[in-house]
């Protein structure tokens, strides 16, 4: 738990990092005195971020939209500097070494897409719920990530 919390502190957005710090403090307060050094000075450590790109979207609000199954209207800039406008159904946030990824169903492309949070130009958090249950949509997304080897004919 301590190792995971260390990783979150070093890689997540400030709100989530603060929650991980609070978790570590609670763990330290609740473990027996003889185990406290394992929490406060663990033998294993998670490497802190090395080149984190700043988020250009409110991550706490984005997590709320995911939990509530509500859409987000994005203005997004791709790796070539081209802007596009998308209405998405957000389903998950991925925390990579230096960037965060927002996985979503994209209405423009009618498919699942991943958006780097540091490339979001603007976000409008809509009150409109997307038409599919969040867990069903997430299951479809997970299945879309599985690549199967072609069968011999």
C-alpha atoms as a PDB file:
ATOM      1  CA  UNK A   1       0.000   0.000   0.000  1.00  0.00           C
ATOM      2  CA  UNK A   2       2.845   2.375   0.851  1.00  0.00           C
ATOM      3  CA  UNK A   3       4.630   1.659  -2.428  1.00  0.00           C
ATOM      4  CA  UNK A   4       1.424   2.294  -4.395  1.00  0.00           C
ATOM      5  CA  UNK A   5       0.741   5.505  -2.484  1.00  0.00           C
ATOM      6  CA  UNK A   6       4.306   6.691  -3.189  1.00  0.00           C
ATOM      7  CA  UNK A   7       3.763   6.104  -6.903  1.00  0.00           C
ATOM      8  CA  UNK A   8       0.478   8.051  -6.865  1.00  0.00           C
ATOM      9  CA  UNK A   9       2.108  10.949  -4.995  1.00  0.00           C
ATOM     10  CA  UNK A  10       4.809  11.173  -7.650  1.00  0.00           C
ATOM     11  CA  UNK A  11       2.667  10.673 -10.757  1.00  0.00           C
ATOM     12  CA  UNK A  12      -0.932  11.756 -10.219  1.00  0.00           C
ATOM     13  CA  UNK A  13      -2.609  15.127 -10.280  1.00  0.00           C
ATOM     14  CA  UNK A  14      -2.437  17.231  -7.087  1.00  0.00           C
ATOM     15  CA  UNK A  15      -5.861  16.188  -5.723  1.00  0.00           C
ATOM     16  CA  UNK A  16      -5.156  12.482  -6.093  1.00  0.00           C
ATOM     17  CA  UNK A  17      -1.579  12.920  -4.828  1.00  0.00           C
ATOM     18  CA  UNK A  18      -2.910  14.644  -1.707  1.00  0.00           C
ATOM     19  CA  UNK A  19      -5.319  11.741  -1.117  1.00  0.00           C
ATOM     20  CA  UNK A  20      -2.357   9.334  -1.327  1.00  0.00           C
ATOM     21  CA  UNK A  21      -0.417  11.443   1.206  1.00  0.00           C
ATOM     22  CA  UNK A  22      -3.422  11.305   3.529  1.00  0.00           C
ATOM     23  CA  UNK A  23      -3.578   7.532   3.076  1.00  0.00           C
ATOM     24  CA  UNK A  24       0.088   7.158   4.021  1.00  0.00           C
ATOM     25  CA  UNK A  25      -0.458   9.284   7.131  1.00  0.00           C
ATOM     26  CA  UNK A  26      -3.457   7.142   8.131  1.00  0.00           C
ATOM     27  CA  UNK A  27      -1.463   3.960   7.612  1.00  0.00           C
ATOM     28  CA  UNK A  28       1.383   5.331   9.743  1.00  0.00           C
ATOM     29  CA  UNK A  29      -1.078   6.318  12.491  1.00  0.00           C
ATOM     30  CA  UNK A  30      -2.807   2.938  12.605  1.00  0.00           C
ATOM     31  CA  UNK A  31       0.021   0.418  12.385  1.00  0.00           C
ATOM     32  CA  UNK A  32       1.647  -0.835  15.581  1.00  0.00           C
ATOM     33  CA  UNK A  33       4.691   1.163  16.704  1.00  0.00           C
ATOM     34  CA  UNK A  34       7.080  -1.656  15.753  1.00  0.00           C
ATOM     35  CA  UNK A  35       5.837  -1.516  12.114  1.00  0.00           C
ATOM     36  CA  UNK A  36       5.843   2.275  11.774  1.00  0.00           C
ATOM     37  CA  UNK A  37       9.423   2.402  10.348  1.00  0.00           C
ATOM     38  CA  UNK A  38       8.251   0.205   7.460  1.00  0.00           C
ATOM     39  CA  UNK A  39       5.742   2.905   6.540  1.00  0.00           C
ATOM     40  CA  UNK A  40       7.805   5.997   7.270  1.00  0.00           C
ATOM     41  CA  UNK A  41      11.121   4.671   5.913  1.00  0.00           C
ATOM     42  CA  UNK A  42      10.267   1.744   3.623  1.00  0.00           C
ATOM     43  CA  UNK A  43      12.989  -0.394   2.044  1.00  0.00           C
ATOM     44  CA  UNK A  44      11.318  -0.060  -1.376  1.00  0.00           C
ATOM     45  CA  UNK A  45      10.457   3.192  -3.057  1.00  0.00           C
ATOM     46  CA  UNK A  46       8.510   4.211  -6.127  1.00  0.00           C
ATOM     47  CA  UNK A  47      10.485   6.456  -8.441  1.00  0.00           C
ATOM     48  CA  UNK A  48       9.084   9.999  -8.551  1.00  0.00           C
ATOM     49  CA  UNK A  49       8.162  11.445 -11.900  1.00  0.00           C
ATOM     50  CA  UNK A  50      11.007  12.699 -14.032  1.00  0.00           C
ATOM     51  CA  UNK A  51       9.375  14.913 -16.632  1.00  0.00           C
ATOM     52  CA  UNK A  52       5.678  15.267 -15.907  1.00  0.00           C
ATOM     53  CA  UNK A  53       3.639  17.271 -18.391  1.00  0.00           C
ATOM     54  CA  UNK A  54       1.056  19.518 -16.717  1.00  0.00           C
ATOM     55  CA  UNK A  55      -2.610  18.600 -17.102  1.00  0.00           C
ATOM     56  CA  UNK A  56      -4.687  21.060 -19.093  1.00  0.00           C
ATOM     57  CA  UNK A  57      -7.933  19.679 -17.726  1.00  0.00           C
ATOM     58  CA  UNK A  58      -9.425  19.599 -14.229  1.00  0.00           C
ATOM     59  CA  UNK A  59      -8.618  16.020 -13.243  1.00  0.00           C
ATOM     60  CA  UNK A  60     -10.860  15.940 -10.145  1.00  0.00           C
ATOM     61  CA  UNK A  61     -13.830  17.157 -12.170  1.00  0.00           C
ATOM     62  CA  UNK A  62     -12.975  14.717 -14.953  1.00  0.00           C
ATOM     63  CA  UNK A  63     -13.037  11.832 -12.452  1.00  0.00           C
ATOM     64  CA  UNK A  64     -16.461  13.047 -11.276  1.00  0.00           C
ATOM     65  CA  UNK A  65     -17.750  13.044 -14.860  1.00  0.00           C
ATOM     66  CA  UNK A  66     -16.501   9.476 -15.255  1.00  0.00           C
ATOM     67  CA  UNK A  67     -18.274   8.336 -12.069  1.00  0.00           C
ATOM     68  CA  UNK A  68     -21.480  10.142 -13.047  1.00  0.00           C
ATOM     69  CA  UNK A  69     -21.430   8.888 -16.654  1.00  0.00           C
ATOM     70  CA  UNK A  70     -21.547  12.408 -18.097  1.00  0.00           C
ATOM     71  CA  UNK A  71     -20.123  13.767 -21.330  1.00  0.00           C
ATOM     72  CA  UNK A  72     -17.286  16.253 -21.794  1.00  0.00           C
ATOM     73  CA  UNK A  73     -16.890  18.594 -24.774  1.00  0.00           C
ATOM     74  CA  UNK A  74     -13.167  18.912 -25.530  1.00  0.00           C
ATOM     75  CA  UNK A  75     -11.071  21.145 -27.685  1.00  0.00           C
ATOM     76  CA  UNK A  76      -8.014  18.995 -28.249  1.00  0.00           C
ATOM     77  CA  UNK A  77      -4.630  19.619 -29.874  1.00  0.00           C
ATOM     78  CA  UNK A  78      -2.927  16.639 -31.495  1.00  0.00           C
ATOM     79  CA  UNK A  79       0.823  15.992 -31.706  1.00  0.00           C
ATOM     80  CA  UNK A  80       0.995  18.060 -34.928  1.00  0.00           C
ATOM     81  CA  UNK A  81      -0.626  21.108 -33.309  1.00  0.00           C
ATOM     82  CA  UNK A  82      -4.013  20.666 -35.048  1.00  0.00           C
ATOM     83  CA  UNK A  83      -7.079  21.474 -32.969  1.00  0.00           C
ATOM     84  CA  UNK A  84     -10.322  19.504 -33.065  1.00  0.00           C
ATOM     85  CA  UNK A  85     -13.539  19.611 -31.106  1.00  0.00           C
ATOM     86  CA  UNK A  86     -14.848  16.374 -29.649  1.00  0.00           C
ATOM     87  CA  UNK A  87     -17.698  15.306 -27.430  1.00  0.00           C
ATOM     88  CA  UNK A  88     -16.523  12.333 -25.433  1.00  0.00           C
ATOM     89  CA  UNK A  89     -17.889   9.802 -22.987  1.00  0.00           C
ATOM     90  CA  UNK A  90     -15.013   9.524 -20.479  1.00  0.00           C
ATOM     91  CA  UNK A  91     -14.443   6.078 -18.982  1.00  0.00           C
ATOM     92  CA  UNK A  92     -10.947   5.911 -17.457  1.00  0.00           C
ATOM     93  CA  UNK A  93      -7.768   7.830 -16.702  1.00  0.00           C
ATOM     94  CA  UNK A  94      -4.423   6.150 -17.242  1.00  0.00           C
ATOM     95  CA  UNK A  95      -1.350   7.325 -15.360  1.00  0.00           C
ATOM     96  CA  UNK A  96       1.829   6.869 -17.375  1.00  0.00           C
ATOM     97  CA  UNK A  97       5.379   7.871 -16.490  1.00  0.00           C
ATOM     98  CA  UNK A  98       5.209  11.454 -17.780  1.00  0.00           C
ATOM     99  CA  UNK A  99       1.653  11.936 -19.085  1.00  0.00           C
ATOM    100  CA  UNK A 100      -1.904  11.035 -18.236  1.00  0.00           C
ATOM    101  CA  UNK A 101      -4.348   9.560 -20.732  1.00  0.00           C
ATOM    102  CA  UNK A 102      -8.120  10.024 -20.745  1.00  0.00           C
ATOM    103  CA  UNK A 103      -9.804   7.023 -22.375  1.00  0.00           C
ATOM    104  CA  UNK A 104     -13.216   7.766 -23.854  1.00  0.00           C
ATOM    105  CA  UNK A 105     -15.783   7.000 -26.502  1.00  0.00           C
ATOM    106  CA  UNK A 106     -15.464   9.765 -29.107  1.00  0.00           C
ATOM    107  CA  UNK A 107     -18.725  10.821 -30.769  1.00  0.00           C
ATOM    108  CA  UNK A 108     -16.821  12.358 -33.722  1.00  0.00           C
ATOM    109  CA  UNK A 109     -14.956   9.117 -34.549  1.00  0.00           C
ATOM    110  CA  UNK A 110     -17.642   6.700 -33.273  1.00  0.00           C
ATOM    111  CA  UNK A 111     -14.906   4.734 -31.584  1.00  0.00           C
ATOM    112  CA  UNK A 112     -12.775   4.604 -28.464  1.00  0.00           C
ATOM    113  CA  UNK A 113      -9.952   7.132 -28.346  1.00  0.00           C
ATOM    114  CA  UNK A 114      -7.263   8.171 -25.888  1.00  0.00           C
ATOM    115  CA  UNK A 115      -6.574  11.821 -25.164  1.00  0.00           C
ATOM    116  CA  UNK A 116      -3.438  13.091 -23.460  1.00  0.00           C
ATOM    117  CA  UNK A 117      -4.504  15.433 -20.663  1.00  0.00           C
ATOM    118  CA  UNK A 118      -1.628  17.811 -21.431  1.00  0.00           C
ATOM    119  CA  UNK A 119      -3.015  18.351 -24.975  1.00  0.00           C
ATOM    120  CA  UNK A 120      -6.514  19.409 -23.927  1.00  0.00           C
ATOM    121  CA  UNK A 121      -7.017  23.044 -24.896  1.00  0.00           C
ATOM    122  CA  UNK A 122     -10.408  23.475 -23.230  1.00  0.00           C
ATOM    123  CA  UNK A 123     -13.056  21.293 -21.578  1.00  0.00           C
ATOM    124  CA  UNK A 124     -16.732  21.910 -21.016  1.00  0.00           C
ATOM    125  CA  UNK A 125     -18.263  19.539 -18.473  1.00  0.00           C
ATOM    126  CA  UNK A 126     -21.744  18.726 -19.731  1.00  0.00           C
ATOM    127  CA  UNK A 127     -24.739  17.742 -17.609  1.00  0.00           C
ATOM    128  CA  UNK A 128     -25.806  15.285 -20.313  1.00  0.00           C
ATOM    129  CA  UNK A 129     -25.344  11.644 -19.397  1.00  0.00           C
ATOM    130  CA  UNK A 130     -24.138   9.320 -22.094  1.00  0.00           C
ATOM    131  CA  UNK A 131     -26.684   6.737 -23.204  1.00  0.00           C
ATOM    132  CA  UNK A 132     -24.781   3.627 -22.184  1.00  0.00           C
ATOM    133  CA  UNK A 133     -24.159   2.322 -18.668  1.00  0.00           C
ATOM    134  CA  UNK A 134     -20.640   3.193 -17.567  1.00  0.00           C
ATOM    135  CA  UNK A 135     -19.687  -0.384 -16.660  1.00  0.00           C
ATOM    136  CA  UNK A 136     -20.965  -1.723 -20.008  1.00  0.00           C
ATOM    137  CA  UNK A 137     -19.057   0.957 -21.898  1.00  0.00           C
ATOM    138  CA  UNK A 138     -15.890   0.242 -19.916  1.00  0.00           C
ATOM    139  CA  UNK A 139     -16.224  -3.488 -20.670  1.00  0.00           C
ATOM    140  CA  UNK A 140     -16.498  -2.720 -24.414  1.00  0.00           C
ATOM    141  CA  UNK A 141     -13.407  -0.506 -24.155  1.00  0.00           C
ATOM    142  CA  UNK A 142     -11.438  -3.278 -22.428  1.00  0.00           C
ATOM    143  CA  UNK A 143     -12.449  -5.759 -25.127  1.00  0.00           C
ATOM    144  CA  UNK A 144     -11.332  -3.262 -27.792  1.00  0.00           C
ATOM    145  CA  UNK A 145      -7.834  -3.294 -26.271  1.00  0.00           C
ATOM    146  CA  UNK A 146      -7.378  -7.033 -26.700  1.00  0.00           C
ATOM    147  CA  UNK A 147      -5.503  -7.973 -29.822  1.00  0.00           C
ATOM    148  CA  UNK A 148      -5.805 -11.543 -30.979  1.00  0.00           C
ATOM    149  CA  UNK A 149      -3.383 -13.324 -33.280  1.00  0.00           C
ATOM    150  CA  UNK A 150      -4.908 -14.156 -36.675  1.00  0.00           C
ATOM    151  CA  UNK A 151      -6.159 -17.706 -36.948  1.00  0.00           C
ATOM    152  CA  UNK A 152      -4.488 -19.924 -39.539  1.00  0.00           C
ATOM    153  CA  UNK A 153      -6.872 -20.593 -42.373  1.00  0.00           C
END
